[in-house]
Structure formats: C-alpha cells, structure tokens
C-alpha atoms as a PDB file:
ATOM      1  CA  UNK A   1     -20.024   0.721  12.382  1.00  0.00           C
ATOM      2  CA  UNK A   2     -18.792  -1.101   9.265  1.00  0.00           C
ATOM      3  CA  UNK A   3     -16.781  -4.192  10.198  1.00  0.00           C
ATOM      4  CA  UNK A   4     -16.763  -5.990   6.852  1.00  0.00           C
ATOM      5  CA  UNK A   5     -13.263  -6.725   5.560  1.00  0.00           C
ATOM      6  CA  UNK A   6     -12.959  -6.310   1.797  1.00  0.00           C
ATOM      7  CA  UNK A   7     -10.505  -8.675   0.166  1.00  0.00           C
ATOM      8  CA  UNK A   8     -10.281  -8.780  -3.614  1.00  0.00           C
ATOM      9  CA  UNK A   9      -7.793  -9.626  -6.314  1.00  0.00           C
ATOM     10  CA  UNK A  10      -7.390  -7.380  -9.353  1.00  0.00           C
ATOM     11  CA  UNK A  11      -5.145  -7.887 -12.343  1.00  0.00           C
ATOM     12  CA  UNK A  12      -2.948  -4.837 -12.900  1.00  0.00           C
ATOM     13  CA  UNK A  13      -0.244  -4.828 -15.551  1.00  0.00           C
ATOM     14  CA  UNK A  14      -0.892  -8.517 -16.146  1.00  0.00           C
ATOM     15  CA  UNK A  15      -0.150  -9.405 -12.513  1.00  0.00           C
ATOM     16  CA  UNK A  16      -2.482 -10.249  -9.634  1.00  0.00           C
ATOM     17  CA  UNK A  17      -2.745  -7.690  -6.832  1.00  0.00           C
ATOM     18  CA  UNK A  18      -4.528  -8.552  -3.592  1.00  0.00           C
ATOM     19  CA  UNK A  19      -6.343  -5.541  -2.131  1.00  0.00           C
ATOM     20  CA  UNK A  20      -7.451  -5.544   1.501  1.00  0.00           C
ATOM     21  CA  UNK A  21      -9.542  -2.884   3.258  1.00  0.00           C
ATOM     22  CA  UNK A  22     -10.143  -3.732   6.920  1.00  0.00           C
ATOM     23  CA  UNK A  23     -12.206  -1.286   8.986  1.00  0.00           C
ATOM     24  CA  UNK A  24     -10.737  -0.560  12.422  1.00  0.00           C
ATOM     25  CA  UNK A  25     -13.002   1.794  14.307  1.00  0.00           C
ATOM     26  CA  UNK A  26     -13.382   5.014  12.352  1.00  0.00           C
ATOM     27  CA  UNK A  27     -10.459   4.266   9.987  1.00  0.00           C
ATOM     28  CA  UNK A  28      -9.419   1.389   7.747  1.00  0.00           C
ATOM     29  CA  UNK A  29      -6.256  -0.637   7.349  1.00  0.00           C
ATOM     30  CA  UNK A  30      -5.601  -0.623   3.584  1.00  0.00           C
ATOM     31  CA  UNK A  31      -2.932  -2.427   1.588  1.00  0.00           C
ATOM     32  CA  UNK A  32      -2.205  -3.850  -1.843  1.00  0.00           C
ATOM     33  CA  UNK A  33      -0.020  -6.964  -1.994  1.00  0.00           C
ATOM     34  CA  UNK A  34       1.886  -8.333  -4.961  1.00  0.00           C
ATOM     35  CA  UNK A  35       4.355 -11.176  -5.208  1.00  0.00           C
ATOM     36  CA  UNK A  36       7.124  -8.630  -4.476  1.00  0.00           C
ATOM     37  CA  UNK A  37       5.686  -6.693  -1.534  1.00  0.00           C
ATOM     38  CA  UNK A  38       3.163  -4.265  -0.097  1.00  0.00           C
ATOM     39  CA  UNK A  39       1.868  -0.779  -0.766  1.00  0.00           C
ATOM     40  CA  UNK A  40       0.257   0.312   2.501  1.00  0.00           C
ATOM     41  CA  UNK A  41      -1.650   2.979   4.357  1.00  0.00           C
ATOM     42  CA  UNK A  42       0.034   4.826   7.213  1.00  0.00           C
ATOM     43  CA  UNK A  43      -0.919   2.234   9.830  1.00  0.00           C
ATOM     44  CA  UNK A  44       1.566  -0.372   8.554  1.00  0.00           C
ATOM     45  CA  UNK A  45       5.263   0.164   9.291  1.00  0.00           C
ATOM     46  CA  UNK A  46       7.489  -0.651   6.289  1.00  0.00           C
ATOM     47  CA  UNK A  47      10.641  -0.661   8.430  1.00  0.00           C
ATOM     48  CA  UNK A  48       9.209  -3.427  10.623  1.00  0.00           C
ATOM     49  CA  UNK A  49       8.682  -5.562   7.497  1.00  0.00           C
ATOM     50  CA  UNK A  50      12.345  -5.168   6.483  1.00  0.00           C
ATOM     51  CA  UNK A  51      13.332  -7.804   9.040  1.00  0.00           C
ATOM     52  CA  UNK A  52      11.253 -10.315   7.061  1.00  0.00           C
ATOM     53  CA  UNK A  53      12.664  -9.220   3.685  1.00  0.00           C
ATOM     54  CA  UNK A  54       9.311  -7.806   2.577  1.00  0.00           C
ATOM     55  CA  UNK A  55       9.425  -4.748   0.312  1.00  0.00           C
ATOM     56  CA  UNK A  56       6.950  -2.184   1.613  1.00  0.00           C
ATOM     57  CA  UNK A  57       6.065   1.439   0.964  1.00  0.00           C
ATOM     58  CA  UNK A  58       3.766   3.596   3.076  1.00  0.00           C
ATOM     59  CA  UNK A  59       1.528   6.079   1.252  1.00  0.00           C
ATOM     60  CA  UNK A  60       0.191   9.419   2.416  1.00  0.00           C
ATOM     61  CA  UNK A  61      -3.184  10.543   1.084  1.00  0.00           C
ATOM     62  CA  UNK A  62      -3.513  12.850  -1.878  1.00  0.00           C
ATOM     63  CA  UNK A  63      -6.925  14.530  -2.006  1.00  0.00           C
ATOM     64  CA  UNK A  64      -8.550  12.690   0.892  1.00  0.00           C
ATOM     65  CA  UNK A  65      -7.962  13.091   4.642  1.00  0.00           C
ATOM     66  CA  UNK A  66      -6.849   9.464   4.997  1.00  0.00           C
ATOM     67  CA  UNK A  67      -6.283   6.291   3.005  1.00  0.00           C
ATOM     68  CA  UNK A  68      -9.665   4.547   3.034  1.00  0.00           C
ATOM     69  CA  UNK A  69      -9.695   2.691  -0.301  1.00  0.00           C
ATOM     70  CA  UNK A  70      -7.515   1.239  -3.042  1.00  0.00           C
ATOM     71  CA  UNK A  71      -8.120   4.406  -5.055  1.00  0.00           C
ATOM     72  CA  UNK A  72      -6.745   6.498  -2.172  1.00  0.00           C
ATOM     73  CA  UNK A  73      -3.716   4.196  -1.974  1.00  0.00           C
ATOM     74  CA  UNK A  74      -2.745   4.503  -5.636  1.00  0.00           C
ATOM     75  CA  UNK A  75      -3.732   8.188  -5.729  1.00  0.00           C
ATOM     76  CA  UNK A  76      -1.502   9.143  -2.809  1.00  0.00           C
ATOM     77  CA  UNK A  77       2.264   9.479  -2.732  1.00  0.00           C
ATOM     78  CA  UNK A  78       4.958   7.406  -1.069  1.00  0.00           C
ATOM     79  CA  UNK A  79       5.824   8.802   2.344  1.00  0.00           C
ATOM     80  CA  UNK A  80       8.294   6.078   3.300  1.00  0.00           C
ATOM     81  CA  UNK A  81       9.864   3.037   1.655  1.00  0.00           C
ATOM     82  CA  UNK A  82      11.992   0.371   3.298  1.00  0.00           C
ATOM     83  CA  UNK A  83      15.306  -0.839   1.876  1.00  0.00           C
ATOM     84  CA  UNK A  84      13.837  -3.798  -0.088  1.00  0.00           C
ATOM     85  CA  UNK A  85      11.321  -1.394  -1.710  1.00  0.00           C
ATOM     86  CA  UNK A  86      14.057   1.120  -2.508  1.00  0.00           C
ATOM     87  CA  UNK A  87      16.004  -1.693  -4.196  1.00  0.00           C
ATOM     88  CA  UNK A  88      13.007  -2.057  -6.539  1.00  0.00           C
ATOM     89  CA  UNK A  89      13.204   1.638  -7.437  1.00  0.00           C
ATOM     90  CA  UNK A  90      10.529   2.976  -5.100  1.00  0.00           C
ATOM     91  CA  UNK A  91      11.349   6.444  -3.783  1.00  0.00           C
ATOM     92  CA  UNK A  92       9.647   8.868  -1.446  1.00  0.00           C
ATOM     93  CA  UNK A  93       7.331  11.270  -3.236  1.00  0.00           C
ATOM     94  CA  UNK A  94       6.439   8.957  -6.145  1.00  0.00           C
ATOM     95  CA  UNK A  95       2.768   8.285  -6.847  1.00  0.00           C
ATOM     96  CA  UNK A  96       1.257   5.226  -5.223  1.00  0.00           C
ATOM     97  CA  UNK A  97       0.286   3.833  -8.638  1.00  0.00           C
ATOM     98  CA  UNK A  98       3.898   4.088  -9.834  1.00  0.00           C
ATOM     99  CA  UNK A  99       5.186   2.398  -6.678  1.00  0.00           C
ATOM    100  CA  UNK A 100       2.658  -0.417  -7.069  1.00  0.00           C
ATOM    101  CA  UNK A 101       3.837  -0.957 -10.649  1.00  0.00           C
ATOM    102  CA  UNK A 102       7.354  -1.557  -9.303  1.00  0.00           C
ATOM    103  CA  UNK A 103       6.130  -4.085  -6.780  1.00  0.00           C
END
C-alpha cells in the first residue's frame, strides 16, 4: 500500500499552486491550493469550507474512475462550488483547469 504523501508547488499562470496527493487506503485525497482557495477531489466538502471563508470547488473525474492525480483534478469538471468560489466565477460543469485559473 502506498502511503507517501506527495506535496509539490507548481507555477501556473505566474502564480504558485500547491498540489497535494495523500493516499488513504485504496483512494487518494487530492487538492490544489492557491492564495484564493482550493480545487478538490470528491472527498473534501466545499460547503464545510464556506464557514471559514475559503473558496472551494469539488471536481468529478473526466476519463478516470476517480481523482487520483493533479492531472485528473484539472481534467475533470466542477461538480460543486461553494459561495466564495461562485463569487470568483466558478460554476458547476466548468473544466477543473478553468476553475483553477479563477482561484
């Protein structure tokens, strides 16, 4: 069983994005964090983060059965966005990459 947490920072659009992939059993907790908020896999609840004023959007997978990597995250589509994320222009159905660009 892989238990190694991957934590890296990439520069996208001139801004740093922290990418975390944390294996949990047979699945992984995956998110990308910017200075404005989070783009997440289905295991993180965007509505719960609203109480802290954190913009968050949950992504459903595109071609893969689940979100297991950063590529899956940006390749999927937004399933749910909380109010702070919607205020940034993130809407359900948009590509993960487009949502991340708004964060």
